[in-house]
PDB file of N, CA and C in Angstrom:
ATOM      1  N   PRO A   1     -66.631 -19.106 -33.711  1.00  0.00           N
ATOM      2  CA  PRO A   1     -66.456 -18.950 -34.841  1.00  0.00           C
ATOM      3  C   PRO A   1     -65.891 -18.152 -35.526  1.00  0.00           C
ATOM      4  N   LYS A   2     -64.972 -17.713 -36.951  1.00  0.00           N
ATOM      5  CA  LYS A   2     -64.699 -16.869 -37.352  1.00  0.00           C
ATOM      6  C   LYS A   2     -64.090 -15.451 -37.137  1.00  0.00           C
ATOM      7  N   SER A   3     -65.191 -14.870 -36.990  1.00  0.00           N
ATOM      8  CA  SER A   3     -65.352 -14.001 -36.426  1.00  0.00           C
ATOM      9  C   SER A   3     -64.789 -13.067 -35.500  1.00  0.00           C
ATOM     10  N   ILE A   4     -64.955 -14.351 -34.714  1.00  0.00           N
ATOM     11  CA  ILE A   4     -64.247 -13.860 -33.165  1.00  0.00           C
ATOM     12  C   ILE A   4     -62.893 -14.166 -32.822  1.00  0.00           C
ATOM     13  N   PHE A   5     -62.466 -15.006 -33.960  1.00  0.00           N
ATOM     14  CA  PHE A   5     -61.172 -15.682 -34.226  1.00  0.00           C
ATOM     15  C   PHE A   5     -60.724 -14.321 -35.312  1.00  0.00           C
ATOM     16  N   MET A   6     -60.867 -13.778 -35.781  1.00  0.00           N
ATOM     17  CA  MET A   6     -60.562 -12.278 -36.309  1.00  0.00           C
ATOM     18  C   MET A   6     -60.536 -11.239 -35.531  1.00  0.00           C
ATOM     19  N   THR A   7     -61.496 -11.015 -35.022  1.00  0.00           N
ATOM     20  CA  THR A   7     -61.076 -10.041 -34.321  1.00  0.00           C
ATOM     21  C   THR A   7     -60.074 -10.060 -33.057  1.00  0.00           C
ATOM     22  N   THR A   8     -59.874 -11.489 -32.795  1.00  0.00           N
ATOM     23  CA  THR A   8     -59.017 -11.755 -31.648  1.00  0.00           C
ATOM     24  C   THR A   8     -57.811 -11.317 -32.279  1.00  0.00           C
ATOM     25  N   ALA A   9     -57.383 -11.675 -33.019  1.00  0.00           N
ATOM     26  CA  ALA A   9     -56.192 -11.435 -34.236  1.00  0.00           C
ATOM     27  C   ALA A   9     -55.656 -10.532 -34.562  1.00  0.00           C
ATOM     28  N   VAL A  10     -56.742  -9.787 -35.030  1.00  0.00           N
ATOM     29  CA  VAL A  10     -56.606  -8.102 -35.583  1.00  0.00           C
ATOM     30  C   VAL A  10     -56.205  -7.411 -34.106  1.00  0.00           C
ATOM     31  N   GLU A  11     -57.526  -7.276 -32.875  1.00  0.00           N
ATOM     32  CA  GLU A  11     -56.900  -6.824 -31.598  1.00  0.00           C
ATOM     33  C   GLU A  11     -54.930  -7.223 -31.284  1.00  0.00           C
ATOM     34  N   LEU A  12     -54.588  -8.444 -31.014  1.00  0.00           N
ATOM     35  CA  LEU A  12     -53.841  -8.711 -31.013  1.00  0.00           C
ATOM     36  C   LEU A  12     -52.187  -8.342 -31.928  1.00  0.00           C
ATOM     37  N   ALA A  13     -53.168  -8.176 -32.459  1.00  0.00           N
ATOM     38  CA  ALA A  13     -51.944  -7.454 -34.298  1.00  0.00           C
ATOM     39  C   ALA A  13     -51.933  -5.730 -33.704  1.00  0.00           C
ATOM     40  N   PHE A  14     -52.842  -5.548 -33.472  1.00  0.00           N
ATOM     41  CA  PHE A  14     -52.654  -3.910 -33.006  1.00  0.00           C
ATOM     42  C   PHE A  14     -52.294  -4.269 -31.611  1.00  0.00           C
ATOM     43  N   VAL A  15     -52.203  -4.424 -30.230  1.00  0.00           N
ATOM     44  CA  VAL A  15     -52.048  -4.431 -29.488  1.00  0.00           C
ATOM     45  C   VAL A  15     -50.349  -4.240 -29.452  1.00  0.00           C
ATOM     46  N   ILE A  16     -49.674  -5.515 -29.906  1.00  0.00           N
ATOM     47  CA  ILE A  16     -48.079  -5.539 -30.196  1.00  0.00           C
ATOM     48  C   ILE A  16     -47.942  -4.531 -31.383  1.00  0.00           C
ATOM     49  N   SER A  17     -48.510  -3.882 -32.387  1.00  0.00           N
ATOM     50  CA  SER A  17     -47.619  -2.873 -33.139  1.00  0.00           C
ATOM     51  C   SER A  17     -47.454  -1.367 -32.584  1.00  0.00           C
ATOM     52  N   LEU A  18     -48.566  -1.422 -31.504  1.00  0.00           N
ATOM     53  CA  LEU A  18     -48.999  -0.359 -30.536  1.00  0.00           C
ATOM     54  C   LEU A  18     -47.165  -0.065 -29.447  1.00  0.00           C
ATOM     55  N   LEU A  19     -47.830  -1.395 -28.358  1.00  0.00           N
ATOM     56  CA  LEU A  19     -46.738  -1.577 -27.770  1.00  0.00           C
ATOM     57  C   LEU A  19     -45.092  -1.590 -28.269  1.00  0.00           C
ATOM     58  N   GLY A  20     -45.221  -2.183 -29.444  1.00  0.00           N
ATOM     59  CA  GLY A  20     -43.357  -1.991 -30.601  1.00  0.00           C
ATOM     60  C   GLY A  20     -43.316  -0.807 -30.721  1.00  0.00           C
ATOM     61  N   HIS A  21     -44.773   0.188 -31.083  1.00  0.00           N
ATOM     62  CA  HIS A  21     -43.906   1.405 -31.206  1.00  0.00           C
ATOM     63  C   HIS A  21     -43.673   2.597 -29.982  1.00  0.00           C
ATOM     64  N   TRP A  22     -44.213   1.992 -29.080  1.00  0.00           N
ATOM     65  CA  TRP A  22     -43.760   3.296 -27.652  1.00  0.00           C
ATOM     66  C   TRP A  22     -42.796   2.619 -27.151  1.00  0.00           C
ATOM     67  N   LEU A  23     -42.485   1.300 -27.021  1.00  0.00           N
ATOM     68  CA  LEU A  23     -41.390   0.503 -26.609  1.00  0.00           C
ATOM     69  C   LEU A  23     -40.144   1.086 -27.817  1.00  0.00           C
ATOM     70  N   GLY A  24     -40.135   1.075 -28.956  1.00  0.00           N
ATOM     71  CA  GLY A  24     -39.043   1.447 -29.981  1.00  0.00           C
ATOM     72  C   GLY A  24     -38.957   2.865 -29.697  1.00  0.00           C
ATOM     73  N   CYS A  25     -39.799   3.658 -29.755  1.00  0.00           N
ATOM     74  CA  CYS A  25     -39.330   5.390 -28.901  1.00  0.00           C
ATOM     75  C   CYS A  25     -38.480   5.403 -27.866  1.00  0.00           C
ATOM     76  N   LEU A  26     -38.858   4.509 -26.502  1.00  0.00           N
ATOM     77  CA  LEU A  26     -38.240   4.438 -25.659  1.00  0.00           C
ATOM     78  C   LEU A  26     -36.965   4.021 -25.867  1.00  0.00           C
ATOM     79  N   TRP A  27     -36.940   2.870 -27.101  1.00  0.00           N
ATOM     80  CA  TRP A  27     -35.437   2.709 -26.791  1.00  0.00           C
ATOM     81  C   TRP A  27     -34.548   3.581 -27.464  1.00  0.00           C
ATOM     82  N   PHE A  28     -34.776   4.342 -28.792  1.00  0.00           N
ATOM     83  CA  PHE A  28     -34.144   4.987 -29.532  1.00  0.00           C
ATOM     84  C   PHE A  28     -33.981   6.590 -28.495  1.00  0.00           C
ATOM     85  N   ARG A  29     -34.780   6.296 -27.273  1.00  0.00           N
ATOM     86  CA  ARG A  29     -34.458   7.536 -26.623  1.00  0.00           C
ATOM     87  C   ARG A  29     -33.834   7.427 -25.729  1.00  0.00           C
ATOM     88  N   ILE A  30     -33.502   5.840 -25.127  1.00  0.00           N
ATOM     89  CA  ILE A  30     -32.493   5.594 -24.439  1.00  0.00           C
ATOM     90  C   ILE A  30     -31.303   5.700 -24.831  1.00  0.00           C
ATOM     91  N   GLY A  31     -31.116   5.025 -26.156  1.00  0.00           N
ATOM     92  CA  GLY A  31     -29.938   5.172 -26.967  1.00  0.00           C
ATOM     93  C   GLY A  31     -29.596   6.691 -26.854  1.00  0.00           C
ATOM     94  N   ARG A  32     -30.345   7.239 -27.399  1.00  0.00           N
ATOM     95  CA  ARG A  32     -29.136   8.910 -27.601  1.00  0.00           C
ATOM     96  C   ARG A  32     -29.109   9.553 -26.522  1.00  0.00           C
ATOM     97  N   GLU A  33     -29.938   9.284 -25.253  1.00  0.00           N
ATOM     98  CA  GLU A  33     -29.464   9.746 -24.311  1.00  0.00           C
ATOM     99  C   GLU A  33     -28.262   8.968 -23.048  1.00  0.00           C
ATOM    100  N   SER A  34     -27.948   8.289 -23.223  1.00  0.00           N
ATOM    101  CA  SER A  34     -27.045   6.976 -22.871  1.00  0.00           C
ATOM    102  C   SER A  34     -25.991   7.899 -22.461  1.00  0.00           C
ATOM    103  N   SER A  35     -24.515   7.424 -21.267  1.00  0.00           N
ATOM    104  CA  SER A  35     -24.151   7.908 -20.545  1.00  0.00           C
ATOM    105  C   SER A  35     -22.529   8.026 -22.396  1.00  0.00           C
ATOM    106  N   GLU A  36     -22.741   7.189 -23.032  1.00  0.00           N
ATOM    107  CA  GLU A  36     -21.918   6.889 -24.093  1.00  0.00           C
ATOM    108  C   GLU A  36     -22.611   6.611 -25.234  1.00  0.00           C
ATOM    109  N   PRO A  37     -21.860   6.381 -26.488  1.00  0.00           N
ATOM    110  CA  PRO A  37     -22.517   5.789 -27.175  1.00  0.00           C
ATOM    111  C   PRO A  37     -22.920   4.643 -27.389  1.00  0.00           C
ATOM    112  N   GLY A  38     -24.471   4.328 -28.048  1.00  0.00           N
ATOM    113  CA  GLY A  38     -24.842   3.027 -27.723  1.00  0.00           C
ATOM    114  C   GLY A  38     -25.059   2.205 -29.216  1.00  0.00           C
ATOM    115  N   TRP A  39     -26.120   1.976 -29.503  1.00  0.00           N
ATOM    116  CA  TRP A  39     -26.971   1.294 -30.611  1.00  0.00           C
ATOM    117  C   TRP A  39     -27.351   2.591 -31.759  1.00  0.00           C
ATOM    118  N   THR A  40     -27.838   3.439 -31.213  1.00  0.00           N
ATOM    119  CA  THR A  40     -27.919   4.294 -32.139  1.00  0.00           C
ATOM    120  C   THR A  40     -26.670   5.132 -32.561  1.00  0.00           C
ATOM    121  N   ALA A  41     -25.467   4.969 -32.015  1.00  0.00           N
ATOM    122  CA  ALA A  41     -23.830   5.315 -33.340  1.00  0.00           C
ATOM    123  C   ALA A  41     -23.404   4.299 -33.487  1.00  0.00           C
ATOM    124  N   ALA A  42     -24.037   2.643 -33.035  1.00  0.00           N
ATOM    125  CA  ALA A  42     -23.448   1.878 -33.767  1.00  0.00           C
ATOM    126  C   ALA A  42     -24.103   1.266 -35.474  1.00  0.00           C
ATOM    127  N   GLN A  43     -25.156   2.139 -35.310  1.00  0.00           N
ATOM    128  CA  GLN A  43     -26.600   2.206 -36.500  1.00  0.00           C
ATOM    129  C   GLN A  43     -25.714   3.242 -37.488  1.00  0.00           C
ATOM    130  N   GLY A  44     -25.172   3.964 -37.118  1.00  0.00           N
ATOM    131  CA  GLY A  44     -25.291   5.138 -38.048  1.00  0.00           C
ATOM    132  C   GLY A  44     -26.306   6.313 -37.914  1.00  0.00           C
ATOM    133  N   LEU A  45     -26.825   6.025 -37.302  1.00  0.00           N
ATOM    134  CA  LEU A  45     -28.364   7.214 -36.482  1.00  0.00           C
ATOM    135  C   LEU A  45     -27.568   8.502 -36.253  1.00  0.00           C
ATOM    136  N   GLU A  46     -26.106   8.183 -34.982  1.00  0.00           N
ATOM    137  CA  GLU A  46     -25.912   9.803 -34.854  1.00  0.00           C
ATOM    138  C   GLU A  46     -23.915   9.967 -35.228  1.00  0.00           C
ATOM    139  N   ASP A  47     -24.076  11.099 -35.309  1.00  0.00           N
ATOM    140  CA  ASP A  47     -22.147  11.468 -36.198  1.00  0.00           C
ATOM    141  C   ASP A  47     -21.480  11.268 -34.664  1.00  0.00           C
ATOM    142  N   GLY A  48     -20.090  12.097 -34.634  1.00  0.00           N
ATOM    143  CA  GLY A  48     -19.301  11.613 -33.831  1.00  0.00           C
ATOM    144  C   GLY A  48     -19.368  12.780 -33.096  1.00  0.00           C
ATOM    145  N   ASP A  49     -20.263  13.434 -33.111  1.00  0.00           N
ATOM    146  CA  ASP A  49     -20.399  14.196 -32.111  1.00  0.00           C
ATOM    147  C   ASP A  49     -21.872  14.207 -31.647  1.00  0.00           C
ATOM    148  N   ARG A  50     -22.427  12.835 -31.368  1.00  0.00           N
ATOM    149  CA  ARG A  50     -23.641  12.441 -30.822  1.00  0.00           C
ATOM    150  C   ARG A  50     -24.932  13.233 -31.597  1.00  0.00           C
ATOM    151  N   GLN A  51     -24.566  13.540 -32.632  1.00  0.00           N
ATOM    152  CA  GLN A  51     -25.626  14.457 -33.069  1.00  0.00           C
ATOM    153  C   GLN A  51     -26.571  13.537 -34.036  1.00  0.00           C
ATOM    154  N   ILE A  52     -27.812  14.019 -33.912  1.00  0.00           N
ATOM    155  CA  ILE A  52     -28.511  13.595 -34.870  1.00  0.00           C
ATOM    156  C   ILE A  52     -28.262  13.476 -36.528  1.00  0.00           C
ATOM    157  N   VAL A  53     -28.271  12.351 -37.287  1.00  0.00           N
ATOM    158  CA  VAL A  53     -27.704  12.543 -38.719  1.00  0.00           C
ATOM    159  C   VAL A  53     -29.388  13.149 -39.152  1.00  0.00           C
ATOM    160  N   PRO A  54     -29.063  13.933 -40.094  1.00  0.00           N
ATOM    161  CA  PRO A  54     -30.106  14.227 -40.875  1.00  0.00           C
ATOM    162  C   PRO A  54     -30.682  14.034 -41.850  1.00  0.00           C
ATOM    163  N   GLY A  55     -32.312  13.535 -42.281  1.00  0.00           N
ATOM    164  CA  GLY A  55     -32.718  12.794 -43.065  1.00  0.00           C
ATOM    165  C   GLY A  55     -32.849  11.497 -42.734  1.00  0.00           C
ATOM    166  N   GLN A  56     -33.045  11.177 -41.187  1.00  0.00           N
ATOM    167  CA  GLN A  56     -32.749   9.449 -40.545  1.00  0.00           C
ATOM    168  C   GLN A  56     -34.010   9.315 -40.258  1.00  0.00           C
ATOM    169  N   LEU A  57     -35.180   9.996 -40.250  1.00  0.00           N
ATOM    170  CA  LEU A  57     -36.092   9.842 -39.236  1.00  0.00           C
ATOM    171  C   LEU A  57     -36.827   8.299 -39.466  1.00  0.00           C
ATOM    172  N   TYR A  58     -36.825   8.471 -40.602  1.00  0.00           N
ATOM    173  CA  TYR A  58     -37.839   6.939 -40.857  1.00  0.00           C
ATOM    174  C   TYR A  58     -36.523   5.690 -41.038  1.00  0.00           C
ATOM    175  N   TYR A  59     -35.670   5.776 -40.603  1.00  0.00           N
ATOM    176  CA  TYR A  59     -34.552   4.732 -40.902  1.00  0.00           C
ATOM    177  C   TYR A  59     -34.383   4.549 -38.911  1.00  0.00           C
ATOM    178  N   GLN A  60     -34.449   5.720 -38.098  1.00  0.00           N
ATOM    179  CA  GLN A  60     -34.674   5.879 -37.230  1.00  0.00           C
ATOM    180  C   GLN A  60     -35.619   5.115 -36.524  1.00  0.00           C
ATOM    181  N   TRP A  61     -36.932   5.286 -36.594  1.00  0.00           N
ATOM    182  CA  TRP A  61     -38.309   4.991 -36.421  1.00  0.00           C
ATOM    183  C   TRP A  61     -38.012   3.338 -36.705  1.00  0.00           C
ATOM    184  N   ILE A  62     -37.565   2.707 -37.635  1.00  0.00           N
ATOM    185  CA  ILE A  62     -37.853   1.464 -37.841  1.00  0.00           C
ATOM    186  C   ILE A  62     -37.000   0.568 -37.975  1.00  0.00           C
ATOM    187  N   SER A  63     -35.303   1.487 -37.365  1.00  0.00           N
ATOM    188  CA  SER A  63     -34.952   0.819 -36.545  1.00  0.00           C
ATOM    189  C   SER A  63     -35.101   0.318 -35.154  1.00  0.00           C
ATOM    190  N   SER A  64     -35.605   1.292 -34.080  1.00  0.00           N
ATOM    191  CA  SER A  64     -36.432   1.418 -33.055  1.00  0.00           C
ATOM    192  C   SER A  64     -37.839  -0.062 -32.796  1.00  0.00           C
ATOM    193  N   PHE A  65     -38.072   0.050 -34.169  1.00  0.00           N
ATOM    194  CA  PHE A  65     -39.059  -0.693 -34.175  1.00  0.00           C
ATOM    195  C   PHE A  65     -39.381  -2.029 -34.452  1.00  0.00           C
ATOM    196  N   TYR A  66     -38.213  -2.609 -35.235  1.00  0.00           N
ATOM    197  CA  TYR A  66     -37.961  -3.474 -35.637  1.00  0.00           C
ATOM    198  C   TYR A  66     -36.788  -4.142 -34.311  1.00  0.00           C
ATOM    199  N   TRP A  67     -35.813  -3.645 -33.752  1.00  0.00           N
ATOM    200  CA  TRP A  67     -35.195  -3.764 -32.232  1.00  0.00           C
ATOM    201  C   TRP A  67     -36.920  -4.474 -31.680  1.00  0.00           C
ATOM    202  N   THR A  68     -37.520  -3.786 -31.092  1.00  0.00           N
ATOM    203  CA  THR A  68     -38.323  -3.885 -30.324  1.00  0.00           C
ATOM    204  C   THR A  68     -39.209  -5.507 -30.670  1.00  0.00           C
ATOM    205  N   ILE A  69     -39.944  -4.891 -31.986  1.00  0.00           N
ATOM    206  CA  ILE A  69     -40.646  -6.465 -32.591  1.00  0.00           C
ATOM    207  C   ILE A  69     -39.439  -7.487 -32.330  1.00  0.00           C
ATOM    208  N   THR A  70     -38.633  -7.480 -33.231  1.00  0.00           N
ATOM    209  CA  THR A  70     -37.155  -8.819 -32.815  1.00  0.00           C
ATOM    210  C   THR A  70     -37.290  -9.193 -31.772  1.00  0.00           C
ATOM    211  N   THR A  71     -37.316  -8.682 -30.506  1.00  0.00           N
ATOM    212  CA  THR A  71     -36.811  -8.759 -29.099  1.00  0.00           C
ATOM    213  C   THR A  71     -38.034  -9.651 -28.232  1.00  0.00           C
ATOM    214  N   MET A  72     -39.159  -9.000 -29.029  1.00  0.00           N
ATOM    215  CA  MET A  72     -40.701  -9.311 -27.842  1.00  0.00           C
ATOM    216  C   MET A  72     -41.593 -10.625 -28.501  1.00  0.00           C
ATOM    217  N   THR A  73     -40.848 -10.693 -29.900  1.00  0.00           N
ATOM    218  CA  THR A  73     -41.298 -11.899 -30.610  1.00  0.00           C
ATOM    219  C   THR A  73     -40.437 -12.993 -30.461  1.00  0.00           C
ATOM    220  N   THR A  74     -38.902 -12.819 -30.701  1.00  0.00           N
ATOM    221  CA  THR A  74     -38.090 -14.145 -30.596  1.00  0.00           C
ATOM    222  C   THR A  74     -37.189 -13.597 -29.598  1.00  0.00           C
ATOM    223  N   ILE A  75     -35.956 -14.258 -29.779  1.00  0.00           N
ATOM    224  CA  ILE A  75     -34.883 -13.800 -29.193  1.00  0.00           C
ATOM    225  C   ILE A  75     -33.959 -12.777 -29.758  1.00  0.00           C
ATOM    226  N   GLY A  76     -34.486 -11.650 -30.828  1.00  0.00           N
ATOM    227  CA  GLY A  76     -33.358 -11.187 -31.411  1.00  0.00           C
ATOM    228  C   GLY A  76     -32.831 -11.880 -32.198  1.00  0.00           C
ATOM    229  N   TYR A  77     -32.456 -10.919 -33.385  1.00  0.00           N
ATOM    230  CA  TYR A  77     -31.453 -11.894 -34.371  1.00  0.00           C
ATOM    231  C   TYR A  77     -30.047 -11.113 -34.118  1.00  0.00           C
ATOM    232  N   GLY A  78     -30.199  -9.928 -33.259  1.00  0.00           N
ATOM    233  CA  GLY A  78     -28.124  -9.405 -32.771  1.00  0.00           C
ATOM    234  C   GLY A  78     -27.959  -8.349 -33.783  1.00  0.00           C
ATOM    235  N   ASP A  79     -28.265  -8.124 -35.061  1.00  0.00           N
ATOM    236  CA  ASP A  79     -28.110  -7.290 -35.447  1.00  0.00           C
ATOM    237  C   ASP A  79     -27.747  -6.068 -34.645  1.00  0.00           C
ATOM    238  N   ILE A  80     -28.760  -5.135 -34.150  1.00  0.00           N
ATOM    239  CA  ILE A  80     -28.760  -3.847 -33.201  1.00  0.00           C
ATOM    240  C   ILE A  80     -29.038  -4.670 -31.746  1.00  0.00           C
ATOM    241  N   THR A  81     -27.859  -4.879 -30.888  1.00  0.00           N
ATOM    242  CA  THR A  81     -27.330  -4.467 -29.490  1.00  0.00           C
ATOM    243  C   THR A  81     -27.426  -3.688 -28.390  1.00  0.00           C
ATOM    244  N   ALA A  82     -28.328  -4.395 -27.432  1.00  0.00           N
ATOM    245  CA  ALA A  82     -27.868  -3.289 -26.502  1.00  0.00           C
ATOM    246  C   ALA A  82     -26.041  -2.741 -26.146  1.00  0.00           C
ATOM    247  N   THR A  83     -25.706  -2.096 -25.927  1.00  0.00           N
ATOM    248  CA  THR A  83     -24.268  -1.904 -25.593  1.00  0.00           C
ATOM    249  C   THR A  83     -23.991  -1.049 -24.382  1.00  0.00           C
ATOM    250  N   THR A  84     -25.071   0.009 -23.753  1.00  0.00           N
ATOM    251  CA  THR A  84     -24.877   0.642 -22.447  1.00  0.00           C
ATOM    252  C   THR A  84     -25.350  -0.092 -21.863  1.00  0.00           C
ATOM    253  N   LYS A  85     -25.477   0.200 -20.362  1.00  0.00           N
ATOM    254  CA  LYS A  85     -26.069  -0.371 -18.971  1.00  0.00           C
ATOM    255  C   LYS A  85     -27.258   0.403 -19.209  1.00  0.00           C
ATOM    256  N   GLU A  86     -27.560   1.219 -19.715  1.00  0.00           N
ATOM    257  CA  GLU A  86     -29.238   2.014 -20.260  1.00  0.00           C
ATOM    258  C   GLU A  86     -29.960   0.726 -20.716  1.00  0.00           C
ATOM    259  N   GLU A  87     -29.208   0.551 -22.310  1.00  0.00           N
ATOM    260  CA  GLU A  87     -29.577  -0.082 -23.160  1.00  0.00           C
ATOM    261  C   GLU A  87     -30.008  -1.354 -22.305  1.00  0.00           C
ATOM    262  N   ARG A  88     -29.354  -1.985 -21.795  1.00  0.00           N
ATOM    263  CA  ARG A  88     -28.886  -3.413 -21.338  1.00  0.00           C
ATOM    264  C   ARG A  88     -30.251  -3.434 -20.366  1.00  0.00           C
ATOM    265  N   THR A  89     -30.367  -2.583 -19.653  1.00  0.00           N
ATOM    266  CA  THR A  89     -31.789  -2.476 -18.263  1.00  0.00           C
ATOM    267  C   THR A  89     -32.718  -2.986 -19.154  1.00  0.00           C
ATOM    268  N   MET A  90     -32.871  -1.520 -20.275  1.00  0.00           N
ATOM    269  CA  MET A  90     -34.217  -2.046 -21.220  1.00  0.00           C
ATOM    270  C   MET A  90     -34.423  -3.373 -21.672  1.00  0.00           C
ATOM    271  N   ALA A  91     -33.335  -3.840 -22.263  1.00  0.00           N
ATOM    272  CA  ALA A  91     -33.296  -5.217 -22.905  1.00  0.00           C
ATOM    273  C   ALA A  91     -33.644  -5.989 -21.821  1.00  0.00           C
ATOM    274  N   ILE A  92     -33.635  -6.121 -20.749  1.00  0.00           N
ATOM    275  CA  ILE A  92     -33.695  -7.418 -19.254  1.00  0.00           C
ATOM    276  C   ILE A  92     -35.716  -7.107 -19.372  1.00  0.00           C
ATOM    277  N   PHE A  93     -35.723  -6.409 -19.988  1.00  0.00           N
ATOM    278  CA  PHE A  93     -37.973  -5.687 -19.513  1.00  0.00           C
ATOM    279  C   PHE A  93     -38.110  -6.022 -20.649  1.00  0.00           C
ATOM    280  N   VAL A  94     -37.471  -6.004 -21.330  1.00  0.00           N
ATOM    281  CA  VAL A  94     -38.913  -6.276 -23.199  1.00  0.00           C
ATOM    282  C   VAL A  94     -38.563  -7.646 -23.422  1.00  0.00           C
TER     283      VAL A  94
END
Protein backbone atom coordinates (compact mmCIF):
# COMPACT_ATOMS: atom_id res chain seq x y z
CA PRO A 1 0.00 0.00 0.00
CA LYS A 2 0.95 3.63 -0.46
CA SER A 3 1.12 4.42 3.23
CA ILE A 4 3.80 1.78 3.84
CA PHE A 5 5.90 3.20 1.00
CA MET A 6 5.55 6.76 2.31
CA THR A 7 6.40 5.68 5.86
CA THR A 8 9.48 3.82 4.64
CA ALA A 9 10.56 6.77 2.44
CA VAL A 10 10.18 9.25 5.30
CA GLU A 11 12.09 6.96 7.67
CA LEU A 12 14.89 6.56 5.12
CA ALA A 13 15.13 10.32 4.57
CA PHE A 14 15.21 10.89 8.33
CA VAL A 15 17.94 8.30 8.91
CA ILE A 16 20.08 9.61 6.04
CA SER A 17 19.68 13.19 7.31
CA LEU A 18 20.50 12.26 10.90
CA LEU A 19 23.49 10.14 9.90
CA GLY A 20 24.62 12.93 7.55
CA HIS A 21 24.44 15.44 10.39
CA TRP A 22 26.45 13.28 12.79
CA LEU A 23 29.08 12.39 10.21
CA GLY A 24 29.20 16.04 9.11
CA CYS A 25 29.93 17.12 12.68
CA LEU A 26 32.68 14.50 12.90
CA TRP A 27 34.05 15.57 9.49
CA PHE A 28 34.25 19.19 10.64
CA ARG A 29 35.92 18.26 13.91
CA ILE A 30 38.51 16.12 12.13
CA GLY A 31 39.17 18.99 9.72
CA ARG A 32 39.68 21.41 12.60
CA GLU A 33 41.84 19.15 14.75
CA SER A 34 44.07 17.64 12.06
CA SER A 35 47.80 17.92 12.44
CA GLU A 36 47.99 20.27 9.45
CA PRO A 37 45.48 22.57 7.70
CA GLY A 38 42.89 20.50 5.89
CA TRP A 39 39.60 20.96 4.12
CA THR A 40 38.41 23.65 6.56
CA ALA A 41 41.33 25.89 5.62
CA ALA A 42 40.81 25.19 1.91
CA GLN A 43 37.15 26.25 2.20
CA GLY A 44 38.01 29.47 4.07
CA LEU A 45 36.43 28.34 7.33
CA GLU A 46 39.55 29.18 9.32
CA ASP A 47 42.17 31.90 9.04
CA GLY A 48 45.96 31.58 8.75
CA ASP A 49 46.27 30.98 12.50
CA ARG A 50 43.79 28.07 12.25
CA GLN A 51 41.14 30.05 14.11
CA ILE A 52 37.45 29.82 13.16
CA VAL A 53 36.28 32.73 11.02
CA PRO A 54 33.45 34.49 12.94
CA GLY A 55 29.95 34.44 11.48
CA GLN A 56 30.48 31.24 9.48
CA LEU A 57 28.47 28.80 11.63
CA TYR A 58 25.83 28.01 8.98
CA TYR A 59 28.47 27.73 6.22
CA GLN A 60 30.51 25.37 8.42
CA TRP A 61 27.52 23.12 9.00
CA ILE A 62 26.20 23.15 5.44
CA SER A 63 29.66 22.47 3.99
CA SER A 64 30.15 19.50 6.32
CA PHE A 65 26.65 18.18 5.70
CA TYR A 66 27.03 18.65 1.93
CA TRP A 67 30.28 16.67 1.87
CA THR A 68 28.76 13.87 3.92
CA ILE A 69 25.58 13.55 1.86
CA THR A 70 27.39 13.67 -1.50
CA THR A 71 29.94 11.13 -0.27
CA MET A 72 27.29 8.76 1.12
CA THR A 73 24.94 8.92 -1.87
CA THR A 74 27.33 9.42 -4.81
CA ILE A 75 31.07 9.39 -5.38
CA GLY A 76 31.27 13.04 -4.31
CA TYR A 77 31.83 16.08 -6.50
CA GLY A 78 35.44 16.85 -5.58
CA ASP A 79 34.94 20.44 -4.50
CA ILE A 80 35.47 19.52 -0.83
CA THR A 81 38.23 16.93 -0.57
CA ALA A 82 40.14 15.13 2.14
CA THR A 83 43.70 16.47 2.29
CA THR A 84 45.13 15.22 5.59
CA LYS A 85 45.68 11.62 6.68
CA GLU A 86 42.94 11.93 9.30
CA GLU A 87 40.44 13.25 6.74
CA ARG A 88 41.35 10.55 4.23
CA THR A 89 40.89 7.86 6.87
CA MET A 90 37.39 9.10 7.62
CA ALA A 91 36.55 9.41 3.92
CA ILE A 92 37.39 5.73 3.42
CA PHE A 93 34.75 4.70 5.95
CA VAL A 94 32.01 7.07 4.81
